Amino acid sequence: GHVNNATYLTFVQEARVDFTVYARQRKNQSPILFDMVVARAEVDYIAPIYEGGVNAHVELWVHRIGTSSFGLAYEVHVEGAVVAKARTVQVAVDMNTKTSRPLSENEKEFLQEFYEGE
C-alpha cells in the first residue's frame, strides 16, 4: 500500500530541521532560525509513495521573507520523480513573551541566500 498523507509532512519537517541546523552551524554566532513555529503547512500530493524502503529527497528554498515570518517551499522527490510540493510559513517567536518577533538581520541575511521567490 501507499504511505499515509502525514508522511509527506514528516519528510518536509525533516528538511526544515536540517535547514535550521545548517543555519546555526553556518552562522557560528547566536542561534538563528531557532525560536520559530510553523503557522501554516500545505501540501499538493502529486503521486503516491509506496511503503517499503522509501528514500525521499526534499529540495527546499525560501519563497518569501516578511517582517516576522518567512515562507519555505519544498519539492519531495522519490526515485527522481516529484511526488509532492509543499509550503510552510514559519513565524519567529520571542520565547519570553510567547509572541511574534521581528526576524533579526542575521536571519534575514541567511534566508536571502536561499531566496528563489514564488
PDB file of N, CA and C in Angstrom:
ATOM      1  N   GLY A   1       0.808  -1.181   0.000  1.00  0.00           N
ATOM      2  CA  GLY A   1       0.000   0.000   0.000  1.00  0.00           C
ATOM      3  C   GLY A   1       0.859   1.256   0.000  1.00  0.00           C
ATOM      4  N   HIS A   2       0.199   2.372  -0.009  1.00  0.00           N
ATOM      5  CA  HIS A   2       0.915   3.646  -0.002  1.00  0.00           C
ATOM      6  C   HIS A   2       1.024   4.186   1.426  1.00  0.00           C
ATOM      7  N   VAL A   3       1.960   5.115   1.622  1.00  0.00           N
ATOM      8  CA  VAL A   3       2.166   5.688   2.950  1.00  0.00           C
ATOM      9  C   VAL A   3       1.053   6.684   3.260  1.00  0.00           C
ATOM     10  N   ASN A   4       0.862   6.948   4.527  1.00  0.00           N
ATOM     11  CA  ASN A   4      -0.140   7.907   4.983  1.00  0.00           C
ATOM     12  C   ASN A   4       0.234   9.312   4.525  1.00  0.00           C
ATOM     13  N   ASN A   5      -0.760  10.139   4.285  1.00  0.00           N
ATOM     14  CA  ASN A   5      -0.503  11.504   3.815  1.00  0.00           C
ATOM     15  C   ASN A   5       0.386  12.300   4.769  1.00  0.00           C
ATOM     16  N   ALA A   6       0.341  12.019   6.056  1.00  0.00           N
ATOM     17  CA  ALA A   6       1.165  12.749   7.025  1.00  0.00           C
ATOM     18  C   ALA A   6       2.657  12.484   6.822  1.00  0.00           C
ATOM     19  N   THR A   7       2.990  11.374   6.173  1.00  0.00           N
ATOM     20  CA  THR A   7       4.390  11.042   5.919  1.00  0.00           C
ATOM     21  C   THR A   7       5.064  12.119   5.076  1.00  0.00           C
ATOM     22  N   TYR A   8       4.326  12.696   4.144  1.00  0.00           N
ATOM     23  CA  TYR A   8       4.889  13.754   3.302  1.00  0.00           C
ATOM     24  C   TYR A   8       5.321  14.938   4.172  1.00  0.00           C
ATOM     25  N   LEU A   9       4.485  15.289   5.150  1.00  0.00           N
ATOM     26  CA  LEU A   9       4.832  16.394   6.049  1.00  0.00           C
ATOM     27  C   LEU A   9       6.014  16.042   6.948  1.00  0.00           C
ATOM     28  N   THR A  10       6.172  14.767   7.259  1.00  0.00           N
ATOM     29  CA  THR A  10       7.347  14.342   8.025  1.00  0.00           C
ATOM     30  C   THR A  10       8.610  14.579   7.214  1.00  0.00           C
ATOM     31  N   PHE A  11       8.578  14.235   5.926  1.00  0.00           N
ATOM     32  CA  PHE A  11       9.735  14.498   5.065  1.00  0.00           C
ATOM     33  C   PHE A  11      10.043  15.992   5.016  1.00  0.00           C
ATOM     34  N   VAL A  12       9.006  16.810   4.896  1.00  0.00           N
ATOM     35  CA  VAL A  12       9.162  18.269   4.851  1.00  0.00           C
ATOM     36  C   VAL A  12       9.740  18.776   6.175  1.00  0.00           C
ATOM     37  N   GLN A  13       9.226  18.268   7.287  1.00  0.00           N
ATOM     38  CA  GLN A  13       9.723  18.678   8.602  1.00  0.00           C
ATOM     39  C   GLN A  13      11.196  18.340   8.754  1.00  0.00           C
ATOM     40  N   GLU A  14      11.591  17.149   8.335  1.00  0.00           N
ATOM     41  CA  GLU A  14      12.993  16.752   8.454  1.00  0.00           C
ATOM     42  C   GLU A  14      13.889  17.680   7.639  1.00  0.00           C
ATOM     43  N   ALA A  15      13.445  18.068   6.451  1.00  0.00           N
ATOM     44  CA  ALA A  15      14.226  19.000   5.625  1.00  0.00           C
ATOM     45  C   ALA A  15      14.318  20.366   6.301  1.00  0.00           C
ATOM     46  N   ARG A  16      13.215  20.821   6.890  1.00  0.00           N
ATOM     47  CA  ARG A  16      13.197  22.120   7.571  1.00  0.00           C
ATOM     48  C   ARG A  16      14.130  22.105   8.783  1.00  0.00           C
ATOM     49  N   VAL A  17      14.129  21.023   9.548  1.00  0.00           N
ATOM     50  CA  VAL A  17      15.016  20.909  10.708  1.00  0.00           C
ATOM     51  C   VAL A  17      16.471  20.912  10.246  1.00  0.00           C
ATOM     52  N   ASP A  18      16.783  20.161   9.194  1.00  0.00           N
ATOM     53  CA  ASP A  18      18.150  20.158   8.661  1.00  0.00           C
ATOM     54  C   ASP A  18      18.567  21.567   8.241  1.00  0.00           C
ATOM     55  N   PHE A  19      17.646  22.308   7.642  1.00  0.00           N
ATOM     56  CA  PHE A  19      17.913  23.676   7.197  1.00  0.00           C
ATOM     57  C   PHE A  19      18.235  24.579   8.385  1.00  0.00           C
ATOM     58  N   THR A  20      17.479  24.464   9.475  1.00  0.00           N
ATOM     59  CA  THR A  20      17.732  25.319  10.638  1.00  0.00           C
ATOM     60  C   THR A  20      19.026  24.923  11.349  1.00  0.00           C
ATOM     61  N   VAL A  21      19.338  23.632  11.381  1.00  0.00           N
ATOM     62  CA  VAL A  21      20.611  23.192  11.968  1.00  0.00           C
ATOM     63  C   VAL A  21      21.761  23.757  11.143  1.00  0.00           C
ATOM     64  N   TYR A  22      21.635  23.673   9.814  1.00  0.00           N
ATOM     65  CA  TYR A  22      22.654  24.223   8.922  1.00  0.00           C
ATOM     66  C   TYR A  22      22.808  25.721   9.157  1.00  0.00           C
ATOM     67  N   ALA A  23      21.707  26.421   9.341  1.00  0.00           N
ATOM     68  CA  ALA A  23      21.751  27.866   9.576  1.00  0.00           C
ATOM     69  C   ALA A  23      22.551  28.184  10.829  1.00  0.00           C
ATOM     70  N   ARG A  24      22.323  27.429  11.886  1.00  0.00           N
ATOM     71  CA  ARG A  24      23.043  27.684  13.140  1.00  0.00           C
ATOM     72  C   ARG A  24      24.528  27.383  12.984  1.00  0.00           C
ATOM     73  N   GLN A  25      24.860  26.274  12.332  1.00  0.00           N
ATOM     74  CA  GLN A  25      26.261  25.903  12.176  1.00  0.00           C
ATOM     75  C   GLN A  25      26.987  26.896  11.273  1.00  0.00           C
ATOM     76  N   ARG A  26      26.319  27.331  10.233  1.00  0.00           N
ATOM     77  CA  ARG A  26      26.933  28.198   9.234  1.00  0.00           C
ATOM     78  C   ARG A  26      27.223  29.583   9.800  1.00  0.00           C
ATOM     79  N   LYS A  27      26.316  30.123  10.564  1.00  0.00           N
ATOM     80  CA  LYS A  27      26.490  31.481  11.076  1.00  0.00           C
ATOM     81  C   LYS A  27      27.488  31.528  12.238  1.00  0.00           C
ATOM     82  N   ASN A  28      27.644  30.427  12.964  1.00  0.00           N
ATOM     83  CA  ASN A  28      28.621  30.321  14.043  1.00  0.00           C
ATOM     84  C   ASN A  28      28.557  31.532  14.989  1.00  0.00           C
ATOM     85  N   GLN A  29      27.372  31.900  15.320  1.00  0.00           N
ATOM     86  CA  GLN A  29      27.163  33.002  16.256  1.00  0.00           C
ATOM     87  C   GLN A  29      25.876  32.725  17.015  1.00  0.00           C
ATOM     88  N   SER A  30      25.228  33.747  17.503  1.00  0.00           N
ATOM     89  CA  SER A  30      23.997  33.497  18.237  1.00  0.00           C
ATOM     90  C   SER A  30      23.042  32.718  17.337  1.00  0.00           C
ATOM     91  N   PRO A  31      22.324  31.768  17.913  1.00  0.00           N
ATOM     92  CA  PRO A  31      21.446  30.917  17.095  1.00  0.00           C
ATOM     93  C   PRO A  31      20.462  31.733  16.270  1.00  0.00           C
ATOM     94  N   ILE A  32      20.277  31.303  15.036  1.00  0.00           N
ATOM     95  CA  ILE A  32      19.277  31.929  14.179  1.00  0.00           C
ATOM     96  C   ILE A  32      18.290  30.871  13.723  1.00  0.00           C
ATOM     97  N   LEU A  33      17.122  31.318  13.354  1.00  0.00           N
ATOM     98  CA  LEU A  33      16.047  30.419  12.913  1.00  0.00           C
ATOM     99  C   LEU A  33      15.761  29.354  13.956  1.00  0.00           C
ATOM    100  N   PHE A  34      15.897  29.716  15.223  1.00  0.00           N
ATOM    101  CA  PHE A  34      15.749  28.727  16.287  1.00  0.00           C
ATOM    102  C   PHE A  34      14.376  28.802  16.926  1.00  0.00           C
ATOM    103  N   ASP A  35      13.990  29.968  17.377  1.00  0.00           N
ATOM    104  CA  ASP A  35      12.700  30.124  18.047  1.00  0.00           C
ATOM    105  C   ASP A  35      11.634  30.454  17.011  1.00  0.00           C
ATOM    106  N   MET A  36      11.173  29.409  16.338  1.00  0.00           N
ATOM    107  CA  MET A  36      10.192  29.545  15.262  1.00  0.00           C
ATOM    108  C   MET A  36       9.068  28.538  15.480  1.00  0.00           C
ATOM    109  N   VAL A  37       7.891  28.892  15.001  1.00  0.00           N
ATOM    110  CA  VAL A  37       6.782  27.940  14.970  1.00  0.00           C
ATOM    111  C   VAL A  37       6.241  27.893  13.549  1.00  0.00           C
ATOM    112  N   VAL A  38       5.711  26.744  13.182  1.00  0.00           N
ATOM    113  CA  VAL A  38       5.058  26.615  11.880  1.00  0.00           C
ATOM    114  C   VAL A  38       3.631  27.116  12.042  1.00  0.00           C
ATOM    115  N   ALA A  39       3.292  28.155  11.308  1.00  0.00           N
ATOM    116  CA  ALA A  39       1.953  28.737  11.389  1.00  0.00           C
ATOM    117  C   ALA A  39       1.025  28.168  10.324  1.00  0.00           C
ATOM    118  N   ARG A  40       1.608  27.642   9.260  1.00  0.00           N
ATOM    119  CA  ARG A  40       0.795  27.104   8.162  1.00  0.00           C
ATOM    120  C   ARG A  40       1.605  26.061   7.416  1.00  0.00           C
ATOM    121  N   ALA A  41       0.923  25.012   6.984  1.00  0.00           N
ATOM    122  CA  ALA A  41       1.540  23.988   6.133  1.00  0.00           C
ATOM    123  C   ALA A  41       0.516  23.554   5.095  1.00  0.00           C
ATOM    124  N   GLU A  42       0.959  23.459   3.857  1.00  0.00           N
ATOM    125  CA  GLU A  42       0.074  22.975   2.794  1.00  0.00           C
ATOM    126  C   GLU A  42       0.861  22.030   1.896  1.00  0.00           C
ATOM    127  N   VAL A  43       0.171  21.012   1.415  1.00  0.00           N
ATOM    128  CA  VAL A  43       0.806  20.003   0.571  1.00  0.00           C
ATOM    129  C   VAL A  43      -0.058  19.739  -0.647  1.00  0.00           C
ATOM    130  N   ASP A  44       0.577  19.717  -1.802  1.00  0.00           N
ATOM    131  CA  ASP A  44      -0.065  19.238  -3.025  1.00  0.00           C
ATOM    132  C   ASP A  44       0.493  17.847  -3.284  1.00  0.00           C
ATOM    133  N   TYR A  45      -0.372  16.854  -3.202  1.00  0.00           N
ATOM    134  CA  TYR A  45       0.032  15.466  -3.406  1.00  0.00           C
ATOM    135  C   TYR A  45      -0.028  15.168  -4.898  1.00  0.00           C
ATOM    136  N   ILE A  46       1.104  14.818  -5.478  1.00  0.00           N
ATOM    137  CA  ILE A  46       1.188  14.600  -6.917  1.00  0.00           C
ATOM    138  C   ILE A  46       1.144  13.117  -7.255  1.00  0.00           C
ATOM    139  N   ALA A  47       1.825  12.311  -6.449  1.00  0.00           N
ATOM    140  CA  ALA A  47       1.863  10.867  -6.705  1.00  0.00           C
ATOM    141  C   ALA A  47       1.983  10.138  -5.373  1.00  0.00           C
ATOM    142  N   PRO A  48       1.465   8.917  -5.307  1.00  0.00           N
ATOM    143  CA  PRO A  48       1.585   8.158  -4.058  1.00  0.00           C
ATOM    144  C   PRO A  48       3.021   7.700  -3.819  1.00  0.00           C
ATOM    145  N   ILE A  49       3.348   7.568  -2.553  1.00  0.00           N
ATOM    146  CA  ILE A  49       4.610   6.947  -2.151  1.00  0.00           C
ATOM    147  C   ILE A  49       4.240   5.583  -1.599  1.00  0.00           C
ATOM    148  N   TYR A  50       4.846   4.561  -2.138  1.00  0.00           N
ATOM    149  CA  TYR A  50       4.515   3.209  -1.699  1.00  0.00           C
ATOM    150  C   TYR A  50       5.430   2.764  -0.577  1.00  0.00           C
ATOM    151  N   GLU A  51       4.870   1.996   0.349  1.00  0.00           N
ATOM    152  CA  GLU A  51       5.599   1.529   1.524  1.00  0.00           C
ATOM    153  C   GLU A  51       6.752   0.628   1.119  1.00  0.00           C
ATOM    154  N   GLY A  52       7.762   0.606   1.990  1.00  0.00           N
ATOM    155  CA  GLY A  52       8.876  -0.309   1.787  1.00  0.00           C
ATOM    156  C   GLY A  52      10.108   0.369   1.218  1.00  0.00           C
ATOM    157  N   GLY A  53      11.016   0.733   2.085  1.00  0.00           N
ATOM    158  CA  GLY A  53      12.298   1.259   1.638  1.00  0.00           C
ATOM    159  C   GLY A  53      12.239   2.584   0.917  1.00  0.00           C
ATOM    160  N   VAL A  54      11.337   3.458   1.328  1.00  0.00           N
ATOM    161  CA  VAL A  54      11.206   4.759   0.679  1.00  0.00           C
ATOM    162  C   VAL A  54      12.422   5.626   1.004  1.00  0.00           C
ATOM    163  N   ASN A  55      13.038   6.155  -0.037  1.00  0.00           N
ATOM    164  CA  ASN A  55      14.148   7.080   0.138  1.00  0.00           C
ATOM    165  C   ASN A  55      13.773   8.388  -0.539  1.00  0.00           C
ATOM    166  N   ALA A  56      13.210   9.295   0.226  1.00  0.00           N
ATOM    167  CA  ALA A  56      12.753  10.569  -0.322  1.00  0.00           C
ATOM    168  C   ALA A  56      13.857  11.611  -0.214  1.00  0.00           C
ATOM    169  N   HIS A  57      13.920  12.448  -1.227  1.00  0.00           N
ATOM    170  CA  HIS A  57      14.836  13.589  -1.243  1.00  0.00           C
ATOM    171  C   HIS A  57      13.976  14.845  -1.308  1.00  0.00           C
ATOM    172  N   VAL A  58      14.283  15.814  -0.457  1.00  0.00           N
ATOM    173  CA  VAL A  58      13.482  17.040  -0.419  1.00  0.00           C
ATOM    174  C   VAL A  58      14.349  18.231  -0.806  1.00  0.00           C
ATOM    175  N   GLU A  59      13.891  18.971  -1.803  1.00  0.00           N
ATOM    176  CA  GLU A  59      14.524  20.239  -2.155  1.00  0.00           C
ATOM    177  C   GLU A  59      13.750  21.339  -1.440  1.00  0.00           C
ATOM    178  N   LEU A  60      14.479  22.310  -0.910  1.00  0.00           N
ATOM    179  CA  LEU A  60      13.872  23.366  -0.094  1.00  0.00           C
ATOM    180  C   LEU A  60      14.450  24.708  -0.513  1.00  0.00           C
ATOM    181  N   TRP A  61      13.592  25.722  -0.562  1.00  0.00           N
ATOM    182  CA  TRP A  61      14.066  27.079  -0.810  1.00  0.00           C
ATOM    183  C   TRP A  61      13.134  28.072  -0.120  1.00  0.00           C
ATOM    184  N   VAL A  62      13.619  29.283   0.040  1.00  0.00           N
ATOM    185  CA  VAL A  62      12.841  30.361   0.648  1.00  0.00           C
ATOM    186  C   VAL A  62      12.046  31.043  -0.454  1.00  0.00           C
ATOM    187  N   HIS A  63      10.735  31.179  -0.273  1.00  0.00           N
ATOM    188  CA  HIS A  63       9.939  31.851  -1.296  1.00  0.00           C
ATOM    189  C   HIS A  63       9.383  33.192  -0.816  1.00  0.00           C
ATOM    190  N   ARG A  64       9.507  33.475   0.485  1.00  0.00           N
ATOM    191  CA  ARG A  64       9.019  34.757   0.993  1.00  0.00           C
ATOM    192  C   ARG A  64       9.741  35.096   2.287  1.00  0.00           C
ATOM    193  N   ILE A  65      10.119  36.359   2.425  1.00  0.00           N
ATOM    194  CA  ILE A  65      10.722  36.849   3.665  1.00  0.00           C
ATOM    195  C   ILE A  65       9.910  38.059   4.109  1.00  0.00           C
ATOM    196  N   GLY A  66       9.295  37.934   5.279  1.00  0.00           N
ATOM    197  CA  GLY A  66       8.479  39.019   5.808  1.00  0.00           C
ATOM    198  C   GLY A  66       9.155  39.693   6.983  1.00  0.00           C
ATOM    199  N   THR A  67       8.377  40.414   7.755  1.00  0.00           N
ATOM    200  CA  THR A  67       8.901  41.120   8.920  1.00  0.00           C
ATOM    201  C   THR A  67       9.171  40.163  10.076  1.00  0.00           C
ATOM    202  N   SER A  68       8.200  39.294  10.361  1.00  0.00           N
ATOM    203  CA  SER A  68       8.353  38.350  11.472  1.00  0.00           C
ATOM    204  C   SER A  68       8.144  36.905  11.031  1.00  0.00           C
ATOM    205  N   SER A  69       8.013  36.689   9.740  1.00  0.00           N
ATOM    206  CA  SER A  69       7.793  35.328   9.241  1.00  0.00           C
ATOM    207  C   SER A  69       8.484  35.150   7.897  1.00  0.00           C
ATOM    208  N   PHE A  70       8.596  33.893   7.500  1.00  0.00           N
ATOM    209  CA  PHE A  70       9.149  33.588   6.187  1.00  0.00           C
ATOM    210  C   PHE A  70       8.496  32.315   5.670  1.00  0.00           C
ATOM    211  N   GLY A  71       8.497  32.171   4.367  1.00  0.00           N
ATOM    212  CA  GLY A  71       7.888  31.008   3.742  1.00  0.00           C
ATOM    213  C   GLY A  71       8.932  30.122   3.101  1.00  0.00           C
ATOM    214  N   LEU A  72       8.776  28.828   3.297  1.00  0.00           N
ATOM    215  CA  LEU A  72       9.629  27.844   2.643  1.00  0.00           C
ATOM    216  C   LEU A  72       8.794  27.053   1.655  1.00  0.00           C
ATOM    217  N   ALA A  73       9.397  26.722   0.529  1.00  0.00           N
ATOM    218  CA  ALA A  73       8.759  25.876  -0.475  1.00  0.00           C
ATOM    219  C   ALA A  73       9.587  24.604  -0.597  1.00  0.00           C
ATOM    220  N   TYR A  74       8.914  23.520  -0.914  1.00  0.00           N
ATOM    221  CA  TYR A  74       9.569  22.213  -0.954  1.00  0.00           C
ATOM    222  C   TYR A  74       9.081  21.417  -2.160  1.00  0.00           C
ATOM    223  N   GLU A  75       9.961  20.564  -2.671  1.00  0.00           N
ATOM    224  CA  GLU A  75       9.573  19.507  -3.601  1.00  0.00           C
ATOM    225  C   GLU A  75      10.076  18.204  -3.012  1.00  0.00           C
ATOM    226  N   VAL A  76       9.187  17.235  -2.899  1.00  0.00           N
ATOM    227  CA  VAL A  76       9.545  15.913  -2.388  1.00  0.00           C
ATOM    228  C   VAL A  76       9.740  15.001  -3.592  1.00  0.00           C
ATOM    229  N   HIS A  77      10.921  14.396  -3.684  1.00  0.00           N
ATOM    230  CA  HIS A  77      11.261  13.518  -4.801  1.00  0.00           C
ATOM    231  C   HIS A  77      11.451  12.088  -4.301  1.00  0.00           C
ATOM    232  N   VAL A  78      10.959  11.132  -5.047  1.00  0.00           N
ATOM    233  CA  VAL A  78      11.229   9.717  -4.804  1.00  0.00           C
ATOM    234  C   VAL A  78      11.639   9.116  -6.138  1.00  0.00           C
ATOM    235  N   GLU A  79      12.804   8.505  -6.150  1.00  0.00           N
ATOM    236  CA  GLU A  79      13.351   7.894  -7.370  1.00  0.00           C
ATOM    237  C   GLU A  79      13.338   8.878  -8.539  1.00  0.00           C
ATOM    238  N   GLY A  80      13.702  10.130  -8.255  1.00  0.00           N
ATOM    239  CA  GLY A  80      13.818  11.143  -9.295  1.00  0.00           C
ATOM    240  C   GLY A  80      12.532  11.825  -9.713  1.00  0.00           C
ATOM    241  N   ALA A  81      11.398  11.363  -9.224  1.00  0.00           N
ATOM    242  CA  ALA A  81      10.108  11.951  -9.605  1.00  0.00           C
ATOM    243  C   ALA A  81       9.572  12.821  -8.471  1.00  0.00           C
ATOM    244  N   VAL A  82       8.977  13.955  -8.832  1.00  0.00           N
ATOM    245  CA  VAL A  82       8.345  14.815  -7.829  1.00  0.00           C
ATOM    246  C   VAL A  82       7.028  14.168  -7.415  1.00  0.00           C
ATOM    247  N   VAL A  83       6.897  13.868  -6.126  1.00  0.00           N
ATOM    248  CA  VAL A  83       5.680  13.227  -5.623  1.00  0.00           C
ATOM    249  C   VAL A  83       4.813  14.189  -4.812  1.00  0.00           C
ATOM    250  N   ALA A  84       5.393  15.327  -4.416  1.00  0.00           N
ATOM    251  CA  ALA A  84       4.613  16.325  -3.677  1.00  0.00           C
ATOM    252  C   ALA A  84       5.319  17.669  -3.728  1.00  0.00           C
ATOM    253  N   LYS A  85       4.508  18.713  -3.623  1.00  0.00           N
ATOM    254  CA  LYS A  85       5.020  20.072  -3.452  1.00  0.00           C
ATOM    255  C   LYS A  85       4.373  20.607  -2.188  1.00  0.00           C
ATOM    256  N   ALA A  86       5.159  21.315  -1.388  1.00  0.00           N
ATOM    257  CA  ALA A  86       4.633  21.804  -0.111  1.00  0.00           C
ATOM    258  C   ALA A  86       5.140  23.211   0.160  1.00  0.00           C
ATOM    259  N   ARG A  87       4.451  23.871   1.072  1.00  0.00           N
ATOM    260  CA  ARG A  87       4.857  25.191   1.552  1.00  0.00           C
ATOM    261  C   ARG A  87       4.556  25.270   3.039  1.00  0.00           C
ATOM    262  N   THR A  88       5.437  25.951   3.751  1.00  0.00           N
ATOM    263  CA  THR A  88       5.183  26.235   5.158  1.00  0.00           C
ATOM    264  C   THR A  88       5.484  27.706   5.428  1.00  0.00           C
ATOM    265  N   VAL A  89       4.819  28.235   6.438  1.00  0.00           N
ATOM    266  CA  VAL A  89       5.105  29.582   6.924  1.00  0.00           C
ATOM    267  C   VAL A  89       5.608  29.430   8.351  1.00  0.00           C
ATOM    268  N   GLN A  90       6.791  29.961   8.602  1.00  0.00           N
ATOM    269  CA  GLN A  90       7.381  29.955   9.929  1.00  0.00           C
ATOM    270  C   GLN A  90       7.295  31.360  10.506  1.00  0.00           C
ATOM    271  N   VAL A  91       6.937  31.444  11.784  1.00  0.00           N
ATOM    272  CA  VAL A  91       6.857  32.728  12.477  1.00  0.00           C
ATOM    273  C   VAL A  91       7.911  32.738  13.581  1.00  0.00           C
ATOM    274  N   ALA A  92       8.688  33.817  13.635  1.00  0.00           N
ATOM    275  CA  ALA A  92       9.680  33.990  14.691  1.00  0.00           C
ATOM    276  C   ALA A  92       8.956  34.335  15.990  1.00  0.00           C
ATOM    277  N   VAL A  93       9.393  33.716  17.086  1.00  0.00           N
ATOM    278  CA  VAL A  93       8.716  33.887  18.373  1.00  0.00           C
ATOM    279  C   VAL A  93       9.711  34.348  19.434  1.00  0.00           C
ATOM    280  N   ASP A  94       9.292  35.318  20.224  1.00  0.00           N
ATOM    281  CA  ASP A  94      10.034  35.725  21.411  1.00  0.00           C
ATOM    282  C   ASP A  94       9.621  34.751  22.509  1.00  0.00           C
ATOM    283  N   MET A  95      10.544  33.931  22.953  1.00  0.00           N
ATOM    284  CA  MET A  95      10.198  32.870  23.896  1.00  0.00           C
ATOM    285  C   MET A  95       9.855  33.409  25.286  1.00  0.00           C
ATOM    286  N   ASN A  96      10.233  34.633  25.588  1.00  0.00           N
ATOM    287  CA  ASN A  96       9.865  35.225  26.881  1.00  0.00           C
ATOM    288  C   ASN A  96       8.415  35.676  26.892  1.00  0.00           C
ATOM    289  N   THR A  97       7.988  36.302  25.811  1.00  0.00           N
ATOM    290  CA  THR A  97       6.624  36.837  25.759  1.00  0.00           C
ATOM    291  C   THR A  97       5.650  35.898  25.052  1.00  0.00           C
ATOM    292  N   LYS A  98       6.195  34.901  24.355  1.00  0.00           N
ATOM    293  CA  LYS A  98       5.381  33.944  23.574  1.00  0.00           C
ATOM    294  C   LYS A  98       4.578  34.650  22.480  1.00  0.00           C
ATOM    295  N   THR A  99       5.150  35.733  21.960  1.00  0.00           N
ATOM    296  CA  THR A  99       4.518  36.462  20.860  1.00  0.00           C
ATOM    297  C   THR A  99       5.498  36.537  19.693  1.00  0.00           C
ATOM    298  N   SER A 100       4.981  36.903  18.532  1.00  0.00           N
ATOM    299  CA  SER A 100       5.862  37.010  17.371  1.00  0.00           C
ATOM    300  C   SER A 100       6.869  38.134  17.583  1.00  0.00           C
ATOM    301  N   ARG A 101       7.998  37.992  16.920  1.00  0.00           N
ATOM    302  CA  ARG A 101       9.066  38.987  16.990  1.00  0.00           C
ATOM    303  C   ARG A 101       9.583  39.227  15.576  1.00  0.00           C
ATOM    304  N   PRO A 102      10.221  40.356  15.345  1.00  0.00           N
ATOM    305  CA  PRO A 102      10.805  40.588  14.018  1.00  0.00           C
ATOM    306  C   PRO A 102      11.977  39.631  13.771  1.00  0.00           C
ATOM    307  N   LEU A 103      12.156  39.251  12.520  1.00  0.00           N
ATOM    308  CA  LEU A 103      13.343  38.486  12.145  1.00  0.00           C
ATOM    309  C   LEU A 103      14.565  39.375  12.349  1.00  0.00           C
ATOM    310  N   SER A 104      15.649  38.788  12.842  1.00  0.00           N
ATOM    311  CA  SER A 104      16.883  39.556  13.025  1.00  0.00           C
ATOM    312  C   SER A 104      17.545  39.789  11.667  1.00  0.00           C
ATOM    313  N   GLU A 105      18.475  40.728  11.630  1.00  0.00           N
ATOM    314  CA  GLU A 105      19.211  40.977  10.382  1.00  0.00           C
ATOM    315  C   GLU A 105      19.996  39.740   9.967  1.00  0.00           C
ATOM    316  N   ASN A 106      20.592  39.022  10.937  1.00  0.00           N
ATOM    317  CA  ASN A 106      21.312  37.782  10.622  1.00  0.00           C
ATOM    318  C   ASN A 106      20.380  36.759   9.990  1.00  0.00           C
ATOM    319  N   GLU A 107      19.176  36.639  10.537  1.00  0.00           N
ATOM    320  CA  GLU A 107      18.205  35.688   9.987  1.00  0.00           C
ATOM    321  C   GLU A 107      17.810  36.084   8.568  1.00  0.00           C
ATOM    322  N   LYS A 108      17.541  37.362   8.364  1.00  0.00           N
ATOM    323  CA  LYS A 108      17.157  37.825   7.025  1.00  0.00           C
ATOM    324  C   LYS A 108      18.283  37.607   6.014  1.00  0.00           C
ATOM    325  N   GLU A 109      19.521  37.893   6.426  1.00  0.00           N
ATOM    326  CA  GLU A 109      20.667  37.683   5.533  1.00  0.00           C
ATOM    327  C   GLU A 109      20.779  36.221   5.133  1.00  0.00           C
ATOM    328  N   PHE A 110      20.653  35.336   6.122  1.00  0.00           N
ATOM    329  CA  PHE A 110      20.750  33.907   5.824  1.00  0.00           C
ATOM    330  C   PHE A 110      19.629  33.475   4.889  1.00  0.00           C
ATOM    331  N   LEU A 111      18.405  33.872   5.172  1.00  0.00           N
ATOM    332  CA  LEU A 111      17.264  33.497   4.337  1.00  0.00           C
ATOM    333  C   LEU A 111      17.421  34.021   2.917  1.00  0.00           C
ATOM    334  N   GLN A 112      17.968  35.208   2.779  1.00  0.00           N
ATOM    335  CA  GLN A 112      18.143  35.806   1.451  1.00  0.00           C
ATOM    336  C   GLN A 112      19.039  34.937   0.563  1.00  0.00           C
ATOM    337  N   GLU A 113      19.997  34.242   1.173  1.00  0.00           N
ATOM    338  CA  GLU A 113      20.895  33.367   0.408  1.00  0.00           C
ATOM    339  C   GLU A 113      20.136  32.233  -0.279  1.00  0.00           C
ATOM    340  N   PHE A 114      18.984  31.862   0.261  1.00  0.00           N
ATOM    341  CA  PHE A 114      18.212  30.739  -0.273  1.00  0.00           C
ATOM    342  C   PHE A 114      16.913  31.194  -0.929  1.00  0.00           C
ATOM    343  N   TYR A 115      16.785  32.498  -1.117  1.00  0.00           N
ATOM    344  CA  TYR A 115      15.562  33.057  -1.686  1.00  0.00           C
ATOM    345  C   TYR A 115      15.496  32.790  -3.185  1.00  0.00           C
ATOM    346  N   GLU A 116      14.387  32.191  -3.612  1.00  0.00           N
ATOM    347  CA  GLU A 116      14.152  31.947  -5.033  1.00  0.00           C
ATOM    348  C   GLU A 116      12.799  32.485  -5.465  1.00  0.00           C
ATOM    349  N   GLY A 117      12.082  33.130  -4.564  1.00  0.00           N
ATOM    350  CA  GLY A 117      10.782  33.688  -4.911  1.00  0.00           C
ATOM    351  C   GLY A 117       9.720  32.625  -5.113  1.00  0.00           C
ATOM    352  N   GLU A 118       8.616  33.076  -5.657  1.00  0.00           N
ATOM    353  CA  GLU A 118       7.478  32.177  -5.873  1.00  0.00           C
ATOM    354  C   GLU A 118       7.880  31.139  -6.876  1.00  0.00           C
TER     355      GLU A 118
END
